[in-house]
Amino acid sequence: EHRLPEMHQCFGIRLAPSPDRVRPYKPYEDTLGVRTRG
């Protein structure tokens, strides 16, 4: 019943970016990035 942020007065929600300000994150798009085990 209280799992949603607005139902338990979540103090951490304010740190999350607003959906209309979020841009898709493309890590190392202009680099020779390598991913190994995360």
Full PDB file with SEQRES, HELIX, SHEET, SSBOND, CRYST1, ORIGX, SCALE, CONECT and MASTER records, all heavy atoms in Angstrom:
SEQRES   1 A   38  GLU HIS ARG LEU PRO GLU MET HIS GLN CYS PHE GLY ILE          
SEQRES   2 A   38  ARG LEU ALA PRO SER PRO ASP ARG VAL ARG PRO TYR LYS          
SEQRES   3 A   38  PRO TYR GLU ASP THR LEU GLY VAL ARG THR ARG GLY              
HELIX    1 AA1 PRO A    5  MET A    7  5                                   3    
HELIX    2 AA2 ILE A   13  LEU A   15  5                                   3    
HELIX    3 AA3 PRO A   19  ARG A   21  5                                   3    
CRYST1    1.000    1.000    1.000  90.00  90.00  90.00 P 1           1          
ORIGX1      1.000000  0.000000  0.000000        0.00000                         
ORIGX2      0.000000  1.000000  0.000000        0.00000                         
ORIGX3      0.000000  0.000000  1.000000        0.00000                         
SCALE1      1.000000  0.000000  0.000000        0.00000                         
SCALE2      0.000000  1.000000  0.000000        0.00000                         
SCALE3      0.000000  0.000000  1.000000        0.00000                         
ATOM      1  N   GLU A   1       0.813  -1.209   0.000  1.00  0.00           N  
ATOM      2  CA  GLU A   1       0.000   0.000   0.000  1.00  0.00           C  
ATOM      3  C   GLU A   1       0.850   1.264   0.000  1.00  0.00           C  
ATOM      4  O   GLU A   1       0.395   2.332  -0.399  1.00  0.00           O  
ATOM      5  CB  GLU A   1      -0.936   0.012   1.202  1.00  0.00           C  
ATOM      6  CG  GLU A   1      -2.000  -1.093   1.166  1.00  0.00           C  
ATOM      7  CD  GLU A   1      -2.938  -1.000   2.352  1.00  0.00           C  
ATOM      8  OE1 GLU A   1      -2.732  -0.090   3.195  1.00  0.00           O  
ATOM      9  OE2 GLU A   1      -3.870  -1.820   2.451  1.00  0.00           O  
ATOM     10  N   HIS A   2       2.096   1.153   0.472  1.00  0.00           N  
ATOM     11  CA  HIS A   2       2.957   2.337   0.596  1.00  0.00           C  
ATOM     12  C   HIS A   2       4.221   2.222  -0.247  1.00  0.00           C  
ATOM     13  O   HIS A   2       5.204   2.935  -0.007  1.00  0.00           O  
ATOM     14  CB  HIS A   2       3.351   2.554   2.073  1.00  0.00           C  
ATOM     15  CG  HIS A   2       2.198   2.834   2.972  1.00  0.00           C  
ATOM     16  ND1 HIS A   2       1.484   1.838   3.581  1.00  0.00           N  
ATOM     17  CD2 HIS A   2       1.623   4.009   3.354  1.00  0.00           C  
ATOM     18  CE1 HIS A   2       0.526   2.359   4.324  1.00  0.00           C  
ATOM     19  NE2 HIS A   2       0.565   3.681   4.195  1.00  0.00           N  
ATOM     20  N   ARG A   3       4.217   1.351  -1.246  1.00  0.00           N  
ATOM     21  CA  ARG A   3       5.442   1.132  -2.002  1.00  0.00           C  
ATOM     22  C   ARG A   3       5.756   2.277  -2.968  1.00  0.00           C  
ATOM     23  O   ARG A   3       6.917   2.497  -3.313  1.00  0.00           O  
ATOM     24  CB  ARG A   3       5.363  -0.170  -2.790  1.00  0.00           C  
ATOM     25  CG  ARG A   3       4.294  -0.237  -3.850  1.00  0.00           C  
ATOM     26  CD  ARG A   3       4.166  -1.658  -4.390  1.00  0.00           C  
ATOM     27  NE  ARG A   3       3.165  -1.774  -5.430  1.00  0.00           N  
ATOM     28  CZ  ARG A   3       3.411  -1.653  -6.725  1.00  0.00           C  
ATOM     29  NH1 ARG A   3       4.652  -1.384  -7.121  1.00  0.00           N  
ATOM     30  NH2 ARG A   3       2.456  -1.785  -7.611  1.00  0.00           N  
ATOM     31  N   LEU A   4       4.738   3.026  -3.404  1.00  0.00           N  
ATOM     32  CA  LEU A   4       4.986   4.146  -4.297  1.00  0.00           C  
ATOM     33  C   LEU A   4       5.574   5.325  -3.518  1.00  0.00           C  
ATOM     34  O   LEU A   4       5.214   5.560  -2.362  1.00  0.00           O  
ATOM     35  CB  LEU A   4       3.687   4.576  -4.980  1.00  0.00           C  
ATOM     36  CG  LEU A   4       3.052   3.529  -5.909  1.00  0.00           C  
ATOM     37  CD1 LEU A   4       1.735   4.053  -6.470  1.00  0.00           C  
ATOM     38  CD2 LEU A   4       3.998   3.156  -7.031  1.00  0.00           C  
ATOM     39  N   PRO A   5       6.519   6.083  -4.122  1.00  0.00           N  
ATOM     40  CA  PRO A   5       7.176   7.205  -3.424  1.00  0.00           C  
ATOM     41  C   PRO A   5       6.200   8.193  -2.812  1.00  0.00           C  
ATOM     42  O   PRO A   5       6.404   8.679  -1.698  1.00  0.00           O  
ATOM     43  CB  PRO A   5       8.021   7.856  -4.525  1.00  0.00           C  
ATOM     44  CG  PRO A   5       8.290   6.748  -5.486  1.00  0.00           C  
ATOM     45  CD  PRO A   5       7.048   5.914  -5.486  1.00  0.00           C  
ATOM     46  N   GLU A   6       5.114   8.499  -3.545  1.00  0.00           N  
ATOM     47  CA  GLU A   6       4.172   9.494  -3.033  1.00  0.00           C  
ATOM     48  C   GLU A   6       3.355   8.985  -1.856  1.00  0.00           C  
ATOM     49  O   GLU A   6       2.728   9.772  -1.146  1.00  0.00           O  
ATOM     50  CB  GLU A   6       3.225   9.946  -4.150  1.00  0.00           C  
ATOM     51  CG  GLU A   6       2.430   8.821  -4.797  1.00  0.00           C  
ATOM     52  CD  GLU A   6       3.136   8.230  -6.001  1.00  0.00           C  
ATOM     53  OE1 GLU A   6       4.374   8.339  -6.073  1.00  0.00           O  
ATOM     54  OE2 GLU A   6       2.433   7.669  -6.856  1.00  0.00           O  
ATOM     55  N   MET A   7       3.365   7.663  -1.610  1.00  0.00           N  
ATOM     56  CA  MET A   7       2.588   7.103  -0.520  1.00  0.00           C  
ATOM     57  C   MET A   7       3.364   7.011   0.789  1.00  0.00           C  
ATOM     58  O   MET A   7       2.784   6.761   1.838  1.00  0.00           O  
ATOM     59  CB  MET A   7       2.072   5.706  -0.914  1.00  0.00           C  
ATOM     60  CG  MET A   7       1.159   5.701  -2.136  1.00  0.00           C  
ATOM     61  SD  MET A   7      -0.296   6.742  -1.929  1.00  0.00           S  
ATOM     62  CE  MET A   7      -1.143   5.860  -0.609  1.00  0.00           C  
ATOM     63  N   HIS A   8       4.693   7.151   0.746  1.00  0.00           N  
ATOM     64  CA  HIS A   8       5.458   7.091   2.007  1.00  0.00           C  
ATOM     65  C   HIS A   8       6.350   8.322   2.207  1.00  0.00           C  
ATOM     66  O   HIS A   8       7.356   8.280   2.902  1.00  0.00           O  
ATOM     67  CB  HIS A   8       6.308   5.808   2.076  1.00  0.00           C  
ATOM     68  CG  HIS A   8       7.334   5.672   0.982  1.00  0.00           C  
ATOM     69  ND1 HIS A   8       7.126   4.908  -0.137  1.00  0.00           N  
ATOM     70  CD2 HIS A   8       8.568   6.181   0.845  1.00  0.00           C  
ATOM     71  CE1 HIS A   8       8.194   4.941  -0.922  1.00  0.00           C  
ATOM     72  NE2 HIS A   8       9.085   5.715  -0.339  1.00  0.00           N  
ATOM     73  N   GLN A   9       5.961   9.413   1.560  1.00  0.00           N  
ATOM     74  CA  GLN A   9       6.676  10.687   1.719  1.00  0.00           C  
ATOM     75  C   GLN A   9       8.172  10.483   1.471  1.00  0.00           C  
ATOM     76  O   GLN A   9       9.016  10.858   2.278  1.00  0.00           O  
ATOM     77  CB  GLN A   9       6.432  11.283   3.109  1.00  0.00           C  
ATOM     78  CG  GLN A   9       4.980  11.629   3.369  1.00  0.00           C  
ATOM     79  CD  GLN A   9       4.761  12.248   4.736  1.00  0.00           C  
ATOM     80  OE1 GLN A   9       5.571  12.107   5.632  1.00  0.00           O  
ATOM     81  NE2 GLN A   9       3.639  12.941   4.893  1.00  0.00           N  
ATOM     82  N   CYS A  10       8.481   9.898   0.341  1.00  0.00           N  
ATOM     83  CA  CYS A  10       9.861   9.540  -0.008  1.00  0.00           C  
ATOM     84  C   CYS A  10      10.746  10.787  -0.086  1.00  0.00           C  
ATOM     85  O   CYS A  10      10.446  11.734  -0.807  1.00  0.00           O  
ATOM     86  CB  CYS A  10       9.871   8.801  -1.345  1.00  0.00           C  
ATOM     87  SG  CYS A  10      11.524   8.330  -1.894  1.00  0.00           S  
ATOM     88  N   PHE A  11      11.854  10.760   0.672  1.00  0.00           N  
ATOM     89  CA  PHE A  11      12.774  11.892   0.658  1.00  0.00           C  
ATOM     90  C   PHE A  11      13.783  11.780  -0.472  1.00  0.00           C  
ATOM     91  O   PHE A  11      14.458  12.747  -0.822  1.00  0.00           O  
ATOM     92  CB  PHE A  11      13.528  12.004   1.996  1.00  0.00           C  
ATOM     93  CG  PHE A  11      14.404  10.828   2.301  1.00  0.00           C  
ATOM     94  CD1 PHE A  11      15.693  10.744   1.812  1.00  0.00           C  
ATOM     95  CD2 PHE A  11      13.931   9.788   3.099  1.00  0.00           C  
ATOM     96  CE1 PHE A  11      16.495   9.657   2.105  1.00  0.00           C  
ATOM     97  CE2 PHE A  11      14.728   8.699   3.385  1.00  0.00           C  
ATOM     98  CZ  PHE A  11      16.014   8.632   2.883  1.00  0.00           C  
ATOM     99  N   GLY A  12      13.891  10.595  -1.058  1.00  0.00           N  
ATOM    100  CA  GLY A  12      14.865  10.400  -2.128  1.00  0.00           C  
ATOM    101  C   GLY A  12      14.344  10.753  -3.506  1.00  0.00           C  
ATOM    102  O   GLY A  12      15.128  10.943  -4.428  1.00  0.00           O  
ATOM    103  N   ILE A  13      13.035  10.883  -3.639  1.00  0.00           N  
ATOM    104  CA  ILE A  13      12.455  11.149  -4.949  1.00  0.00           C  
ATOM    105  C   ILE A  13      12.895  12.498  -5.494  1.00  0.00           C  
ATOM    106  O   ILE A  13      12.971  12.705  -6.702  1.00  0.00           O  
ATOM    107  CB  ILE A  13      10.907  11.077  -4.884  1.00  0.00           C  
ATOM    108  CG1 ILE A  13      10.296  11.109  -6.292  1.00  0.00           C  
ATOM    109  CG2 ILE A  13      10.361  12.217  -4.031  1.00  0.00           C  
ATOM    110  CD1 ILE A  13      10.610   9.899  -7.106  1.00  0.00           C  
ATOM    111  N   ARG A  14      13.225  13.406  -4.583  1.00  0.00           N  
ATOM    112  CA  ARG A  14      13.622  14.729  -5.057  1.00  0.00           C  
ATOM    113  C   ARG A  14      14.967  14.711  -5.766  1.00  0.00           C  
ATOM    114  O   ARG A  14      15.312  15.646  -6.489  1.00  0.00           O  
ATOM    115  CB  ARG A  14      13.692  15.714  -3.880  1.00  0.00           C  
ATOM    116  CG  ARG A  14      14.814  15.458  -2.904  1.00  0.00           C  
ATOM    117  CD  ARG A  14      14.827  16.502  -1.797  1.00  0.00           C  
ATOM    118  NE  ARG A  14      15.978  16.382  -0.940  1.00  0.00           N  
ATOM    119  CZ  ARG A  14      16.067  15.569   0.092  1.00  0.00           C  
ATOM    120  NH1 ARG A  14      15.028  14.785   0.397  1.00  0.00           N  
ATOM    121  NH2 ARG A  14      17.160  15.506   0.830  1.00  0.00           N  
ATOM    122  N   LEU A  15      15.760  13.644  -5.530  1.00  0.00           N  
ATOM    123  CA  LEU A  15      17.057  13.532  -6.190  1.00  0.00           C  
ATOM    124  C   LEU A  15      16.936  12.993  -7.603  1.00  0.00           C  
ATOM    125  O   LEU A  15      17.881  13.072  -8.386  1.00  0.00           O  
ATOM    126  CB  LEU A  15      17.987  12.626  -5.379  1.00  0.00           C  
ATOM    127  CG  LEU A  15      18.320  13.101  -3.962  1.00  0.00           C  
ATOM    128  CD1 LEU A  15      19.155  12.066  -3.253  1.00  0.00           C  
ATOM    129  CD2 LEU A  15      19.032  14.439  -3.998  1.00  0.00           C  
ATOM    130  N   ALA A  16      15.779  12.417  -7.939  1.00  0.00           N  
ATOM    131  CA  ALA A  16      15.586  11.850  -9.273  1.00  0.00           C  
ATOM    132  C   ALA A  16      15.272  12.967 -10.262  1.00  0.00           C  
ATOM    133  O   ALA A  16      14.550  13.911  -9.936  1.00  0.00           O  
ATOM    134  CB  ALA A  16      14.452  10.836  -9.251  1.00  0.00           C  
ATOM    135  N   PRO A  17      15.827  12.894 -11.472  1.00  0.00           N  
ATOM    136  CA  PRO A  17      15.546  13.937 -12.464  1.00  0.00           C  
ATOM    137  C   PRO A  17      14.109  13.886 -12.938  1.00  0.00           C  
ATOM    138  O   PRO A  17      13.484  12.830 -12.987  1.00  0.00           O  
ATOM    139  CB  PRO A  17      16.519  13.591 -13.602  1.00  0.00           C  
ATOM    140  CG  PRO A  17      16.766  12.124 -13.452  1.00  0.00           C  
ATOM    141  CD  PRO A  17      16.736  11.862 -11.962  1.00  0.00           C  
ATOM    142  N   SER A  18      13.582  15.041 -13.262  1.00  0.00           N  
ATOM    143  CA  SER A  18      12.229  15.115 -13.795  1.00  0.00           C  
ATOM    144  C   SER A  18      12.176  14.407 -15.148  1.00  0.00           C  
ATOM    145  O   SER A  18      13.097  14.541 -15.948  1.00  0.00           O  
ATOM    146  CB  SER A  18      11.830  16.582 -13.968  1.00  0.00           C  
ATOM    147  OG  SER A  18      10.575  16.675 -14.605  1.00  0.00           O  
ATOM    148  N   PRO A  19      11.097  13.638 -15.428  1.00  0.00           N  
ATOM    149  CA  PRO A  19      11.030  12.891 -16.685  1.00  0.00           C  
ATOM    150  C   PRO A  19      11.189  13.753 -17.927  1.00  0.00           C  
ATOM    151  O   PRO A  19      11.752  13.316 -18.918  1.00  0.00           O  
ATOM    152  CB  PRO A  19       9.632  12.250 -16.631  1.00  0.00           C  
ATOM    153  CG  PRO A  19       9.327  12.160 -15.165  1.00  0.00           C  
ATOM    154  CD  PRO A  19       9.944  13.376 -14.554  1.00  0.00           C  
ATOM    155  N   ASP A  20      10.711  15.003 -17.870  1.00  0.00           N  
ATOM    156  CA  ASP A  20      10.808  15.855 -19.051  1.00  0.00           C  
ATOM    157  C   ASP A  20      12.189  16.451 -19.238  1.00  0.00           C  
ATOM    158  O   ASP A  20      12.459  17.125 -20.219  1.00  0.00           O  
ATOM    159  CB  ASP A  20       9.754  16.972 -18.986  1.00  0.00           C  
ATOM    160  CG  ASP A  20       9.955  17.859 -17.769  1.00  0.00           C  
ATOM    161  OD1 ASP A  20      10.705  17.465 -16.864  1.00  0.00           O  
ATOM    162  OD2 ASP A  20       9.345  18.943 -17.722  1.00  0.00           O  
ATOM    163  N   ARG A  21      13.093  16.200 -18.257  1.00  0.00           N  
ATOM    164  CA  ARG A  21      14.455  16.729 -18.363  1.00  0.00           C  
ATOM    165  C   ARG A  21      15.468  15.625 -18.601  1.00  0.00           C  
ATOM    166  O   ARG A  21      16.645  15.899 -18.760  1.00  0.00           O  
ATOM    167  CB  ARG A  21      14.827  17.491 -17.085  1.00  0.00           C  
ATOM    168  CG  ARG A  21      13.959  18.703 -16.828  1.00  0.00           C  
ATOM    169  CD  ARG A  21      14.349  19.375 -15.538  1.00  0.00           C  
ATOM    170  NE  ARG A  21      15.725  19.824 -15.571  1.00  0.00           N  
ATOM    171  CZ  ARG A  21      16.366  20.317 -14.509  1.00  0.00           C  
ATOM    172  NH1 ARG A  21      15.742  20.416 -13.358  1.00  0.00           N  
ATOM    173  NH2 ARG A  21      17.624  20.700 -14.606  1.00  0.00           N  
ATOM    174  N   VAL A  22      15.021  14.394 -18.626  1.00  0.00           N  
ATOM    175  CA  VAL A  22      15.939  13.273 -18.795  1.00  0.00           C  
ATOM    176  C   VAL A  22      16.223  13.065 -20.272  1.00  0.00           C  
ATOM    177  O   VAL A  22      15.313  13.000 -21.090  1.00  0.00           O  
ATOM    178  CB  VAL A  22      15.342  11.978 -18.198  1.00  0.00           C  
ATOM    179  CG1 VAL A  22      16.254  10.794 -18.500  1.00  0.00           C  
ATOM    180  CG2 VAL A  22      15.173  12.129 -16.702  1.00  0.00           C  
ATOM    181  N   ARG A  23      17.496  12.958 -20.605  1.00  0.00           N  
ATOM    182  CA  ARG A  23      17.886  12.629 -21.961  1.00  0.00           C  
ATOM    183  C   ARG A  23      18.449  11.219 -21.977  1.00  0.00           C  
ATOM    184  O   ARG A  23      19.142  10.818 -21.039  1.00  0.00           O  
ATOM    185  CB  ARG A  23      18.945  13.614 -22.468  1.00  0.00           C  
ATOM    186  CG  ARG A  23      18.427  15.026 -22.652  1.00  0.00           C  
ATOM    187  CD  ARG A  23      19.496  15.927 -23.202  1.00  0.00           C  
ATOM    188  NE  ARG A  23      20.621  16.018 -22.273  1.00  0.00           N  
ATOM    189  CZ  ARG A  23      21.746  16.668 -22.548  1.00  0.00           C  
ATOM    190  NH1 ARG A  23      21.907  17.247 -23.718  1.00  0.00           N  
ATOM    191  NH2 ARG A  23      22.708  16.723 -21.659  1.00  0.00           N  
ATOM    192  N   PRO A  24      18.183  10.444 -23.010  1.00  0.00           N  
ATOM    193  CA  PRO A  24      18.721   9.072 -23.067  1.00  0.00           C  
ATOM    194  C   PRO A  24      20.241   9.090 -22.904  1.00  0.00           C  
ATOM    195  O   PRO A  24      20.934   9.882 -23.558  1.00  0.00           O  
ATOM    196  CB  PRO A  24      18.311   8.589 -24.463  1.00  0.00           C  
ATOM    197  CG  PRO A  24      17.139   9.448 -24.831  1.00  0.00           C  
ATOM    198  CD  PRO A  24      17.391  10.776 -24.190  1.00  0.00           C  
ATOM    199  N   TYR A  25      20.743   8.243 -22.034  1.00  0.00           N  
ATOM    200  CA  TYR A  25      22.179   8.200 -21.774  1.00  0.00           C  
ATOM    201  C   TYR A  25      22.857   7.205 -22.710  1.00  0.00           C  
ATOM    202  O   TYR A  25      22.458   6.047 -22.784  1.00  0.00           O  
ATOM    203  CB  TYR A  25      22.436   7.788 -20.319  1.00  0.00           C  
ATOM    204  CG  TYR A  25      23.906   7.655 -20.008  1.00  0.00           C  
ATOM    205  CD1 TYR A  25      24.714   8.785 -19.936  1.00  0.00           C  
ATOM    206  CD2 TYR A  25      24.482   6.404 -19.816  1.00  0.00           C  
ATOM    207  CE1 TYR A  25      26.055   8.673 -19.664  1.00  0.00           C  
ATOM    208  CE2 TYR A  25      25.824   6.287 -19.544  1.00  0.00           C  
ATOM    209  CZ  TYR A  25      26.603   7.429 -19.465  1.00  0.00           C  
ATOM    210  OH  TYR A  25      27.947   7.297 -19.209  1.00  0.00           O  
ATOM    211  N   LYS A  26      23.816   7.673 -23.467  1.00  0.00           N  
ATOM    212  CA  LYS A  26      24.564   6.818 -24.387  1.00  0.00           C  
ATOM    213  C   LYS A  26      26.020   6.816 -23.956  1.00  0.00           C  
ATOM    214  O   LYS A  26      26.789   7.714 -24.323  1.00  0.00           O  
ATOM    215  CB  LYS A  26      24.436   7.335 -25.816  1.00  0.00           C  
ATOM    216  CG  LYS A  26      22.997   7.350 -26.320  1.00  0.00           C  
ATOM    217  CD  LYS A  26      22.916   7.877 -27.733  1.00  0.00           C  
ATOM    218  CE  LYS A  26      21.475   7.883 -28.227  1.00  0.00           C  
ATOM    219  NZ  LYS A  26      21.357   8.411 -29.610  1.00  0.00           N  
ATOM    220  N   PRO A  27      26.410   5.870 -23.115  1.00  0.00           N  
ATOM    221  CA  PRO A  27      27.761   5.886 -22.557  1.00  0.00           C  
ATOM    222  C   PRO A  27      28.847   5.737 -23.604  1.00  0.00           C  
ATOM    223  O   PRO A  27      28.794   4.822 -24.428  1.00  0.00           O  
ATOM    224  CB  PRO A  27      27.751   4.699 -21.579  1.00  0.00           C  
ATOM    225  CG  PRO A  27      26.686   3.803 -22.102  1.00  0.00           C  
ATOM    226  CD  PRO A  27      25.645   4.702 -22.686  1.00  0.00           C  
ATOM    227  N   TYR A  28      29.782   6.702 -23.611  1.00  0.00           N  
ATOM    228  CA  TYR A  28      30.985   6.625 -24.427  1.00  0.00           C  
ATOM    229  C   TYR A  28      30.657   6.495 -25.918  1.00  0.00           C  
ATOM    230  O   TYR A  28      31.289   5.744 -26.659  1.00  0.00           O  
ATOM    231  CB  TYR A  28      31.884   5.468 -23.975  1.00  0.00           C  
ATOM    232  CG  TYR A  28      32.005   5.390 -22.485  1.00  0.00           C  
ATOM    233  CD1 TYR A  28      31.533   4.306 -21.776  1.00  0.00           C  
ATOM    234  CD2 TYR A  28      32.566   6.454 -21.779  1.00  0.00           C  
ATOM    235  CE1 TYR A  28      31.632   4.261 -20.409  1.00  0.00           C  
ATOM    236  CE2 TYR A  28      32.666   6.414 -20.404  1.00  0.00           C  
ATOM    237  CZ  TYR A  28      32.191   5.316 -19.723  1.00  0.00           C  
ATOM    238  OH  TYR A  28      32.279   5.273 -18.364  1.00  0.00           O  
ATOM    239  N   GLU A  29      29.628   7.217 -26.363  1.00  0.00           N  
ATOM    240  CA  GLU A  29      29.213   7.132 -27.752  1.00  0.00           C  
ATOM    241  C   GLU A  29      30.336   7.564 -28.689  1.00  0.00           C  
ATOM    242  O   GLU A  29      30.493   7.014 -29.778  1.00  0.00           O  
ATOM    243  CB  GLU A  29      27.980   8.018 -27.959  1.00  0.00           C  
ATOM    244  CG  GLU A  29      27.404   7.944 -29.352  1.00  0.00           C  
ATOM    245  CD  GLU A  29      26.189   8.819 -29.478  1.00  0.00           C  
ATOM    246  OE1 GLU A  29      26.191   9.912 -28.870  1.00  0.00           O  
ATOM    247  OE2 GLU A  29      25.235   8.426 -30.137  1.00  0.00           O  
ATOM    248  N   ASP A  30      31.149   8.543 -28.241  1.00  0.00           N  
ATOM    249  CA  ASP A  30      32.201   9.059 -29.102  1.00  0.00           C  
ATOM    250  C   ASP A  30      33.569   8.497 -28.743  1.00  0.00           C  
ATOM    251  O   ASP A  30      34.591   9.065 -29.079  1.00  0.00           O  
ATOM    252  CB  ASP A  30      32.257  10.594 -28.998  1.00  0.00           C  
ATOM    253  CG  ASP A  30      32.550  11.054 -27.582  1.00  0.00           C  
ATOM    254  OD1 ASP A  30      32.323  10.258 -26.662  1.00  0.00           O  
ATOM    255  OD2 ASP A  30      33.004  12.199 -27.411  1.00  0.00           O  
ATOM    256  N   THR A  31      33.599   7.383 -28.061  1.00  0.00           N  
ATOM    257  CA  THR A  31      34.870   6.824 -27.619  1.00  0.00           C  
ATOM    258  C   THR A  31      34.973   5.379 -28.028  1.00  0.00           C  
ATOM    259  O   THR A  31      34.040   4.774 -28.564  1.00  0.00           O  
ATOM    260  CB  THR A  31      34.998   6.912 -26.090  1.00  0.00           C  
ATOM    261  OG1 THR A  31      34.012   6.038 -25.513  1.00  0.00           O  
ATOM    262  CG2 THR A  31      34.760   8.321 -25.582  1.00  0.00           C  
ATOM    263  N   LEU A  32      36.137   4.810 -27.747  1.00  0.00           N  
ATOM    264  CA  LEU A  32      36.347   3.392 -27.980  1.00  0.00           C  
ATOM    265  C   LEU A  32      36.030   2.638 -26.709  1.00  0.00           C  
ATOM    266  O   LEU A  32      36.884   1.994 -26.101  1.00  0.00           O  
ATOM    267  CB  LEU A  32      37.802   3.146 -28.421  1.00  0.00           C  
ATOM    268  CG  LEU A  32      38.223   3.861 -29.708  1.00  0.00           C  
ATOM    269  CD1 LEU A  32      39.682   3.569 -30.005  1.00  0.00           C  
ATOM    270  CD2 LEU A  32      37.356   3.432 -30.875  1.00  0.00           C  
ATOM    271  N   GLY A  33      34.808   2.744 -26.241  1.00  0.00           N  
ATOM    272  CA  GLY A  33      34.414   2.145 -24.968  1.00  0.00           C  
ATOM    273  C   GLY A  33      34.415   0.627 -25.029  1.00  0.00           C  
ATOM    274  O   GLY A  33      34.125   0.014 -26.046  1.00  0.00           O  
ATOM    275  N   VAL A  34      34.759   0.012 -23.912  1.00  0.00           N  
ATOM    276  CA  VAL A  34      34.765  -1.436 -23.791  1.00  0.00           C  
ATOM    277  C   VAL A  34      34.018  -1.809 -22.526  1.00  0.00           C  
ATOM    278  O   VAL A  34      34.251  -1.215 -21.472  1.00  0.00           O  
ATOM    279  CB  VAL A  34      36.212  -1.991 -23.727  1.00  0.00           C  
ATOM    280  CG1 VAL A  34      36.178  -3.493 -23.548  1.00  0.00           C  
ATOM    281  CG2 VAL A  34      36.979  -1.621 -24.987  1.00  0.00           C  
ATOM    282  N   ARG A  35      33.116  -2.758 -22.610  1.00  0.00           N  
ATOM    283  CA  ARG A  35      32.361  -3.208 -21.439  1.00  0.00           C  
ATOM    284  C   ARG A  35      32.796  -4.620 -21.087  1.00  0.00           C  
ATOM    285  O   ARG A  35      32.768  -5.509 -21.926  1.00  0.00           O  
ATOM    286  CB  ARG A  35      30.857  -3.176 -21.714  1.00  0.00           C  
ATOM    287  CG  ARG A  35      30.300  -1.759 -21.792  1.00  0.00           C  
ATOM    288  CD  ARG A  35      28.792  -1.792 -21.934  1.00  0.00           C  
ATOM    289  NE  ARG A  35      28.258  -0.447 -21.915  1.00  0.00           N  
ATOM    290  CZ  ARG A  35      27.925   0.207 -20.817  1.00  0.00           C  
ATOM    291  NH1 ARG A  35      28.087  -0.373 -19.639  1.00  0.00           N  
ATOM    292  NH2 ARG A  35      27.440   1.422 -20.868  1.00  0.00           N  
ATOM    293  N   THR A  36      33.199  -4.802 -19.848  1.00  0.00           N  
ATOM    294  CA  THR A  36      33.603  -6.115 -19.372  1.00  0.00           C  
ATOM    295  C   THR A  36      33.039  -6.326 -17.986  1.00  0.00           C  
ATOM    296  O   THR A  36      33.425  -5.630 -17.044  1.00  0.00           O  
ATOM    297  CB  THR A  36      35.146  -6.235 -19.311  1.00  0.00           C  
ATOM    298  OG1 THR A  36      35.674  -5.922 -20.600  1.00  0.00           O  
ATOM    299  CG2 THR A  36      35.557  -7.638 -18.932  1.00  0.00           C  
ATOM    300  N   ARG A  37      32.092  -7.273 -17.870  1.00  0.00           N  
ATOM    301  CA  ARG A  37      31.467  -7.566 -16.581  1.00  0.00           C  
ATOM    302  C   ARG A  37      30.893  -6.302 -15.937  1.00  0.00           C  
ATOM    303  O   ARG A  37      31.052  -6.061 -14.740  1.00  0.00           O  
ATOM    304  CB  ARG A  37      32.475  -8.228 -15.631  1.00  0.00           C  
ATOM    305  CG  ARG A  37      32.925  -9.605 -16.106  1.00  0.00           C  
ATOM    306  CD  ARG A  37      33.849 -10.248 -15.100  1.00  0.00           C  
ATOM    307  NE  ARG A  37      34.296 -11.550 -15.571  1.00  0.00           N  
ATOM    308  CZ  ARG A  37      35.125 -12.346 -14.893  1.00  0.00           C  
ATOM    309  NH1 ARG A  37      35.597 -11.969 -13.723  1.00  0.00           N  
ATOM    310  NH2 ARG A  37      35.490 -13.515 -15.378  1.00  0.00           N  
ATOM    311  N   GLY A  38      30.278  -5.464 -16.749  1.00  0.00           N  
ATOM    312  CA  GLY A  38      29.627  -4.275 -16.219  1.00  0.00           C  
ATOM    313  C   GLY A  38      30.541  -3.080 -16.062  1.00  0.00           C  
ATOM    314  O   GLY A  38      30.083  -2.010 -15.724  1.00  0.00           O  
TER     315      GLY A  38                                                      
MASTER        0    0    0    3    0    0    0    6  314    1    0    3          
END                                                                             
